[in-house]
N, C-alpha and C. Protein backbone atom coordinates (compact mmCIF):
# COMPACT_ATOMS: atom_id res chain seq x y z
N MET A 1 0.83 -0.95 0.03
CA MET A 1 -0.20 -0.07 0.15
C MET A 1 0.77 1.11 0.05
N THR A 2 0.43 2.16 -0.55
CA THR A 2 1.19 3.31 -0.70
C THR A 2 0.15 4.36 -0.72
N GLY A 3 0.77 5.69 -0.34
CA GLY A 3 -0.06 6.84 -0.41
C GLY A 3 -0.24 7.34 0.79
N ASN A 4 -1.50 8.17 1.09
CA ASN A 4 -1.90 8.50 2.45
C ASN A 4 -2.51 7.52 3.54
N LEU A 5 -1.55 6.89 4.22
CA LEU A 5 -2.02 5.54 5.14
C LEU A 5 -2.16 6.37 6.40
N THR A 6 -3.13 5.70 7.31
CA THR A 6 -3.35 5.50 8.86
C THR A 6 -2.72 4.16 9.31
N VAL A 7 -1.79 4.23 10.33
CA VAL A 7 -1.51 3.00 11.14
C VAL A 7 -2.18 3.18 12.50
N HIS A 8 -2.35 1.57 12.55
CA HIS A 8 -3.26 1.17 13.89
C HIS A 8 -2.55 0.11 14.56
N THR A 9 -2.10 0.36 15.64
CA THR A 9 -1.28 -0.89 16.30
C THR A 9 -2.27 -1.20 17.65
N THR A 10 -2.61 -2.53 17.83
CA THR A 10 -3.20 -2.96 19.10
C THR A 10 -2.52 -3.86 19.85
N TRP A 11 -2.40 -3.83 21.06
CA TRP A 11 -1.64 -4.89 21.87
C TRP A 11 -2.56 -5.37 22.70
N ALA A 12 -2.54 -6.82 22.75
CA ALA A 12 -3.18 -7.81 23.92
C ALA A 12 -2.43 -9.25 23.96
N ASP A 13 -2.72 -9.40 25.32
CA ASP A 13 -1.83 -10.70 25.50
C ASP A 13 -0.64 -11.31 24.82
N GLY A 14 0.24 -10.30 24.91
CA GLY A 14 1.62 -10.50 24.43
C GLY A 14 1.77 -10.55 22.81
N THR A 15 0.84 -10.01 22.31
CA THR A 15 0.67 -9.94 20.76
C THR A 15 0.46 -8.53 20.31
N ALA A 16 0.95 -8.20 19.24
CA ALA A 16 0.66 -6.83 18.42
C ALA A 16 -0.10 -7.19 17.27
N GLN A 17 -1.22 -6.49 17.08
CA GLN A 17 -1.72 -6.36 15.62
C GLN A 17 -1.81 -5.17 14.89
N VAL A 18 -1.12 -5.18 13.63
CA VAL A 18 -0.98 -3.89 12.90
C VAL A 18 -1.80 -3.92 11.95
N ALA A 19 -2.49 -2.65 11.71
CA ALA A 19 -3.64 -2.60 10.65
C ALA A 19 -3.22 -1.27 9.96
N LEU A 20 -3.55 -1.12 8.75
CA LEU A 20 -3.26 -0.05 7.74
C LEU A 20 -4.94 0.23 6.92
N GLN A 21 -4.96 1.57 6.93
CA GLN A 21 -6.04 2.29 5.97
C GLN A 21 -5.49 3.18 5.32
N TYR A 22 -6.18 3.19 3.97
CA TYR A 22 -6.25 4.64 3.43
C TYR A 22 -6.62 5.68 4.10
N THR A 23 -5.99 6.92 4.51
CA THR A 23 -6.70 7.91 5.40
C THR A 23 -8.15 8.28 4.71
N GLY A 24 -9.01 8.29 5.64
CA GLY A 24 -10.27 8.43 5.41
C GLY A 24 -11.17 7.53 4.80
N ALA A 25 -10.68 6.35 4.61
CA ALA A 25 -11.34 5.02 4.41
C ALA A 25 -12.07 4.54 5.15
N THR A 26 -12.74 3.17 5.09
CA THR A 26 -13.50 2.67 6.11
C THR A 26 -12.98 1.49 6.28
N ASP A 27 -12.37 0.75 5.21
CA ASP A 27 -11.54 -0.34 5.69
C ASP A 27 -10.32 -0.61 5.96
N TRP A 28 -9.88 -1.36 6.53
CA TRP A 28 -8.73 -1.67 7.41
C TRP A 28 -8.14 -2.90 6.96
N PHE A 29 -6.80 -3.03 6.69
CA PHE A 29 -6.04 -4.25 6.33
C PHE A 29 -5.08 -4.65 7.29
N THR A 30 -4.87 -5.76 7.37
CA THR A 30 -3.91 -6.26 8.26
C THR A 30 -2.70 -6.29 7.55
N MET A 31 -1.39 -5.91 7.99
CA MET A 31 -0.25 -5.96 7.69
C MET A 31 0.25 -7.48 7.60
N ALA A 32 1.03 -7.58 6.52
CA ALA A 32 1.80 -8.99 6.59
C ALA A 32 2.97 -8.94 7.53
N GLY A 33 2.71 -10.20 8.33
CA GLY A 33 3.63 -10.13 9.38
C GLY A 33 2.97 -9.79 10.70
N SER A 34 1.65 -9.50 10.57
CA SER A 34 0.83 -9.24 11.71
C SER A 34 -0.36 -10.53 11.87
N PRO A 35 -0.62 -10.86 13.17
CA PRO A 35 0.12 -10.44 14.39
C PRO A 35 1.51 -10.79 14.33
N THR A 36 2.15 -10.19 15.55
CA THR A 36 3.44 -10.61 15.93
C THR A 36 3.39 -10.68 17.36
N PRO A 37 4.42 -11.48 17.95
CA PRO A 37 4.78 -11.37 19.56
C PRO A 37 5.21 -10.05 19.72
N CYS A 38 4.83 -9.46 21.25
CA CYS A 38 5.35 -8.34 21.50
C CYS A 38 4.84 -8.48 23.21
N PRO A 39 5.81 -8.38 23.75
CA PRO A 39 5.75 -8.61 25.22
C PRO A 39 5.10 -7.89 26.07
N SER A 40 4.94 -6.43 25.83
CA SER A 40 4.32 -5.49 26.60
C SER A 40 3.59 -4.41 25.67
N GLU A 41 2.58 -3.71 26.42
CA GLU A 41 1.88 -2.57 25.55
C GLU A 41 3.16 -1.51 25.56
N GLU A 42 3.93 -0.97 26.37
CA GLU A 42 5.09 -0.36 26.03
C GLU A 42 5.86 -0.64 24.77
N GLU A 43 6.26 -1.76 24.54
CA GLU A 43 7.10 -2.07 23.52
C GLU A 43 6.34 -2.11 22.08
N SER A 44 4.83 -2.33 22.31
CA SER A 44 4.07 -2.12 20.80
C SER A 44 3.94 -0.82 20.61
N ARG A 45 4.34 0.11 21.60
CA ARG A 45 4.35 1.39 20.98
C ARG A 45 5.60 1.76 20.26
N GLU A 46 6.50 0.98 20.83
CA GLU A 46 7.89 1.16 20.00
C GLU A 46 7.73 0.45 18.32
N LEU A 47 6.87 -0.57 18.33
CA LEU A 47 6.61 -1.16 17.26
C LEU A 47 5.90 -0.55 16.46
N HIS A 48 4.91 0.09 16.99
CA HIS A 48 4.25 1.18 16.11
C HIS A 48 4.88 2.18 15.38
N ASP A 49 5.98 2.65 16.29
CA ASP A 49 6.70 3.86 15.73
C ASP A 49 7.66 3.24 14.52
N ALA A 50 8.08 1.97 14.79
CA ALA A 50 8.91 1.36 13.67
C ALA A 50 8.16 1.09 12.34
N VAL A 51 6.77 0.52 12.51
CA VAL A 51 5.90 0.60 11.33
C VAL A 51 5.77 1.73 10.69
N VAL A 52 5.23 2.80 11.59
CA VAL A 52 5.43 3.93 10.80
C VAL A 52 6.29 4.48 10.03
N GLN A 53 7.47 4.55 10.72
CA GLN A 53 8.94 4.60 9.90
C GLN A 53 8.95 3.95 8.76
N ALA A 54 8.78 2.36 9.04
CA ALA A 54 8.94 1.78 7.56
C ALA A 54 8.15 2.04 6.42
N VAL A 55 6.67 2.59 7.03
CA VAL A 55 5.87 2.95 6.06
C VAL A 55 6.29 4.15 5.03
N ARG A 56 6.66 5.18 6.20
CA ARG A 56 7.33 6.49 5.68
C ARG A 56 8.57 6.16 4.80
N ASP A 57 9.29 5.32 5.01
CA ASP A 57 10.66 4.92 4.29
C ASP A 57 10.24 3.98 2.93
N GLY A 58 8.94 3.76 2.60
CA GLY A 58 8.26 2.97 1.55
C GLY A 58 8.74 1.62 1.63
N ALA A 59 8.63 0.86 2.83
CA ALA A 59 9.48 -0.39 3.06
C ALA A 59 8.01 -1.47 2.88
N GLY A 60 7.00 -1.26 2.30
CA GLY A 60 6.12 -2.08 2.02
C GLY A 60 5.06 -2.11 3.24
N ALA A 61 3.93 -2.83 3.09
CA ALA A 61 2.96 -2.90 4.02
C ALA A 61 3.38 -4.21 4.63
N VAL A 62 4.52 -4.68 5.53
CA VAL A 62 4.83 -5.66 5.89
C VAL A 62 5.37 -5.32 7.45
N VAL A 63 5.24 -5.67 8.43
CA VAL A 63 5.69 -5.42 9.71
C VAL A 63 6.95 -5.75 9.92
N PRO A 64 7.70 -4.75 10.07
CA PRO A 64 9.25 -4.87 9.84
C PRO A 64 9.97 -5.86 11.21
N SER A 65 11.06 -6.38 10.80
CA SER A 65 11.83 -7.01 11.68
C SER A 65 11.79 -6.05 12.94
N TRP A 66 11.71 -6.44 14.22
CA TRP A 66 11.63 -5.84 15.45
C TRP A 66 12.01 -6.38 16.62
N ALA A 67 12.68 -5.67 17.35
CA ALA A 67 12.92 -6.09 18.67
C ALA A 67 13.13 -4.74 19.55
N PRO A 68 12.71 -4.93 20.75
CA PRO A 68 13.04 -3.93 22.00
C PRO A 68 14.39 -3.23 21.59
N ARG A 69 14.56 -2.18 21.93
CA ARG A 69 15.84 -1.30 21.77
C ARG A 69 16.70 -1.91 23.02
N GLU A 70 17.96 -1.91 22.74
CA GLU A 70 18.65 -2.44 23.66
C GLU A 70 18.83 -1.41 25.16
N GLY A 71 19.27 -1.86 26.03
CA GLY A 71 18.91 -0.96 27.35
C GLY A 71 17.69 -0.70 27.65
N THR A 72 16.66 -1.22 27.27
CA THR A 72 15.55 -0.86 27.95
C THR A 72 15.09 -1.28 28.81
N GLY A 73 15.75 -2.84 29.11
CA GLY A 73 15.22 -3.53 30.03
C GLY A 73 14.31 -4.65 29.53
N HIS A 74 14.05 -4.57 28.43
CA HIS A 74 12.74 -5.66 28.15
C HIS A 74 13.12 -6.75 27.22
């Protein structure tokens, strides 16, 4: 997907689900690679930021390989 997109990340029970929609549209699309293991809600926010950056970089609609930042204790 390309264009003006909205990213939505939901965390529950150790799993993050990431979906995209064309901004202003009603349909949501699950990103390839989602759901993905994610140990905490805080880390799901970091994952969300990584997905947003991947979309901005044109990395395609795939949840990027992700791991918590070193030194965060997670």
